[in-house]
Amino acid sequence: MATSPYRQGFSLVELLMTLLLTSTGLLGLAALQGKAIRHTLMATQHQSAILLAQDLLEQLRADAANAPAYHFERLPASDVALDDCQASGSPLTIAQRIACWALDVENKLAAARALEHEFHLCHSSQSGLCNGGSSLELQLAWQPAGNGCALPGEQPTATCRYRLRTEP
């Protein structure tokens, strides 16, 4: 029986090395996928906070004559039914509009009700201080998914906060 000078196929060592390199690459991709999902969820929650803040400030600007009625030092009670908020019948009172907004907050931001003391809408002279200054400040808070809330280069915290300051 003559042996061919040309080798055909792969050796077991070559197959094992290929399997090792491929599995290492796939494990890296799986880790990146998990991080991507967490970051997407955090970005979604942050975007929801921005939209909720803008929504409330638009309501306040549309009803500027009653602006003091919108002020709060904790997340307002959401003692309305979702159907009442979505009904297109009679106009809602200020208290009902704020309660509908609070219900929206509870539905879109994780653990918002547990962090109700972190919310405020007030006049402020400096960030985080409700002291009757000229700026209007709105702060929302939620518990983030994953390893906490942080901007690049910062230590993660257990609570995310979005603070918007504007001139009335």
Protein backbone atom coordinates (compact mmCIF):
# COMPACT_ATOMS: atom_id res chain seq x y z
CA MET A 1 0.00 0.00 0.00
CA ALA A 2 1.50 3.29 -1.08
CA THR A 3 1.13 6.44 0.99
CA SER A 4 0.39 9.69 -0.71
CA PRO A 5 2.91 12.52 -0.28
CA TYR A 6 -0.08 14.86 0.15
CA ARG A 7 -1.88 14.90 3.43
CA GLN A 8 -5.64 15.26 3.25
CA GLY A 9 -7.96 16.54 6.03
CA PHE A 10 -7.17 18.10 9.38
CA SER A 11 -5.37 16.72 12.37
CA LEU A 12 -7.03 16.52 15.76
CA VAL A 13 -4.75 19.26 17.11
CA GLU A 14 -5.78 21.64 14.34
CA LEU A 15 -9.45 20.96 15.01
CA LEU A 16 -9.04 21.55 18.75
CA MET A 17 -7.20 24.84 18.19
CA THR A 18 -9.94 26.01 15.81
CA LEU A 19 -12.58 25.06 18.35
CA LEU A 20 -10.73 26.91 21.13
CA LEU A 21 -10.35 30.11 19.09
CA THR A 22 -13.96 30.03 17.89
CA SER A 23 -15.39 29.42 21.37
CA THR A 24 -13.26 32.24 22.85
CA GLY A 25 -14.59 34.62 20.22
CA LEU A 26 -18.19 33.53 20.79
CA LEU A 27 -17.86 33.96 24.56
CA GLY A 28 -16.56 37.50 24.01
CA LEU A 29 -19.53 38.27 21.77
CA ALA A 30 -21.95 36.91 24.37
CA ALA A 31 -20.43 39.15 27.05
CA LEU A 32 -20.70 42.18 24.77
CA GLN A 33 -24.33 41.30 24.02
CA GLY A 34 -25.20 41.34 27.73
CA LYS A 35 -23.54 44.72 28.23
CA ALA A 36 -25.26 46.11 25.14
CA ILE A 37 -28.66 45.05 26.47
CA ARG A 38 -28.01 46.67 29.88
CA HIS A 39 -26.83 49.91 28.28
CA THR A 40 -29.81 49.98 25.94
CA LEU A 41 -32.18 49.54 28.89
CA MET A 42 -30.43 52.32 30.82
CA ALA A 43 -30.63 54.63 27.79
CA THR A 44 -34.33 53.82 27.38
CA GLN A 45 -35.04 54.67 31.02
CA HIS A 46 -33.07 57.90 30.75
CA GLN A 47 -34.94 58.85 27.57
CA SER A 48 -38.25 58.12 29.33
CA ALA A 49 -37.23 60.45 32.18
CA ILE A 50 -36.38 63.21 29.71
CA LEU A 51 -39.72 62.86 27.91
CA LEU A 52 -41.66 62.79 31.19
CA ALA A 53 -39.89 65.93 32.40
CA GLN A 54 -40.56 67.74 29.14
CA ASP A 55 -44.20 66.66 29.20
CA LEU A 56 -44.79 68.09 32.67
CA LEU A 57 -42.97 71.35 31.88
CA GLU A 58 -45.03 71.75 28.71
CA GLN A 59 -48.21 71.31 30.74
CA LEU A 60 -46.98 73.89 33.22
CA ARG A 61 -46.07 76.38 30.48
CA ALA A 62 -49.47 75.90 28.84
CA ASP A 63 -51.15 76.74 32.14
CA ALA A 64 -48.68 79.37 33.42
CA ALA A 65 -51.36 81.24 35.36
CA ASN A 66 -51.70 78.23 37.65
CA ALA A 67 -47.98 77.39 37.84
CA PRO A 68 -47.79 77.28 41.68
CA ALA A 69 -50.38 74.47 41.69
CA TYR A 70 -47.92 72.24 39.84
CA HIS A 71 -45.15 72.48 42.44
CA PHE A 72 -44.41 69.37 44.54
CA GLU A 73 -41.67 68.13 46.86
CA ARG A 74 -42.27 64.39 46.30
CA LEU A 75 -43.82 62.34 43.54
CA PRO A 76 -47.55 63.20 43.57
CA ALA A 77 -50.15 60.52 44.19
CA SER A 78 -51.32 58.69 41.09
CA ASP A 79 -54.86 58.23 42.35
CA VAL A 80 -56.53 58.21 38.93
CA ALA A 81 -57.48 55.39 36.60
CA LEU A 82 -55.58 55.04 33.35
CA ASP A 83 -58.89 55.33 31.46
CA ASP A 84 -59.50 58.75 33.05
CA CYS A 85 -56.14 59.96 31.78
CA GLN A 86 -56.76 58.75 28.25
CA ALA A 87 -60.37 59.91 27.96
CA SER A 88 -60.95 62.70 25.50
CA GLY A 89 -64.13 63.96 27.14
CA SER A 90 -64.15 66.79 29.66
CA PRO A 91 -60.87 68.59 30.43
CA LEU A 92 -58.89 67.38 33.42
CA THR A 93 -58.26 69.50 36.50
CA ILE A 94 -54.68 70.40 37.44
CA ALA A 95 -54.68 67.75 40.18
CA GLN A 96 -55.90 65.12 37.69
CA ARG A 97 -53.26 66.11 35.10
CA ILE A 98 -50.51 65.84 37.73
CA ALA A 99 -51.91 62.48 38.93
CA CYS A 100 -51.96 61.22 35.33
CA TRP A 101 -48.36 62.36 34.89
CA ALA A 102 -47.40 60.56 38.12
CA LEU A 103 -49.12 57.39 36.86
CA ASP A 104 -47.10 57.67 33.64
CA VAL A 105 -43.92 58.05 35.72
CA GLU A 106 -44.73 54.92 37.72
CA ASN A 107 -45.32 52.96 34.52
CA LYS A 108 -42.12 54.08 32.78
CA LEU A 109 -39.49 54.50 35.51
CA ALA A 110 -38.52 51.52 37.66
CA ALA A 111 -39.25 51.87 41.40
CA ALA A 112 -40.31 55.51 41.05
CA ARG A 113 -42.89 55.22 43.83
CA ALA A 114 -40.25 53.81 46.21
CA LEU A 115 -38.13 56.90 45.44
CA GLU A 116 -40.99 59.41 45.67
CA HIS A 117 -38.99 61.61 48.08
CA GLU A 118 -36.37 62.13 45.30
CA PHE A 119 -38.88 63.94 43.05
CA HIS A 120 -39.52 67.68 43.09
CA LEU A 121 -40.75 70.55 40.97
CA CYS A 122 -39.97 73.89 42.55
CA HIS A 123 -38.37 77.28 42.18
CA SER A 124 -34.70 77.11 42.97
CA SER A 125 -31.64 79.36 43.08
CA GLN A 126 -29.18 76.45 42.93
CA SER A 127 -29.31 72.88 41.74
CA GLY A 128 -31.01 70.50 44.17
CA LEU A 129 -32.29 73.20 46.51
CA CYS A 130 -35.95 74.28 46.57
CA ASN A 131 -35.67 77.77 48.02
CA GLY A 132 -37.92 79.95 45.88
CA GLY A 133 -35.24 81.15 43.45
CA SER A 134 -35.91 82.28 39.91
CA SER A 135 -35.18 78.99 38.10
CA LEU A 136 -37.71 76.21 37.85
CA GLU A 137 -36.25 72.78 38.68
CA LEU A 138 -37.74 69.36 38.06
CA GLN A 139 -36.05 66.20 39.35
CA LEU A 140 -37.06 62.62 38.60
CA ALA A 141 -35.51 59.43 40.02
CA TRP A 142 -35.56 55.72 39.28
CA GLN A 143 -33.65 52.55 40.05
CA PRO A 144 -31.54 51.47 37.11
CA ALA A 145 -31.31 48.04 35.60
CA GLY A 146 -27.92 46.41 35.89
CA ASN A 147 -24.96 47.68 37.85
CA GLY A 148 -26.16 51.17 38.69
CA CYS A 149 -26.36 54.56 37.13
CA ALA A 150 -23.25 56.47 36.11
CA LEU A 151 -21.84 58.63 33.40
CA PRO A 152 -18.54 57.50 31.87
CA GLY A 153 -15.74 57.94 34.40
CA GLU A 154 -18.07 58.10 37.43
CA GLN A 155 -18.84 55.59 40.15
CA PRO A 156 -22.22 53.85 39.66
CA THR A 157 -24.99 54.80 42.09
CA ALA A 158 -28.08 52.83 43.11
CA THR A 159 -30.42 55.64 42.03
CA CYS A 160 -30.54 57.47 38.71
CA ARG A 161 -31.67 61.08 38.77
CA TYR A 162 -32.62 63.42 35.95
CA ARG A 163 -32.69 67.09 36.87
CA LEU A 164 -33.94 69.76 34.50
CA ARG A 165 -33.56 73.44 35.28
CA THR A 166 -35.22 76.15 33.22
CA GLU A 167 -36.34 79.74 33.46
CA PRO A 168 -40.15 80.02 33.71
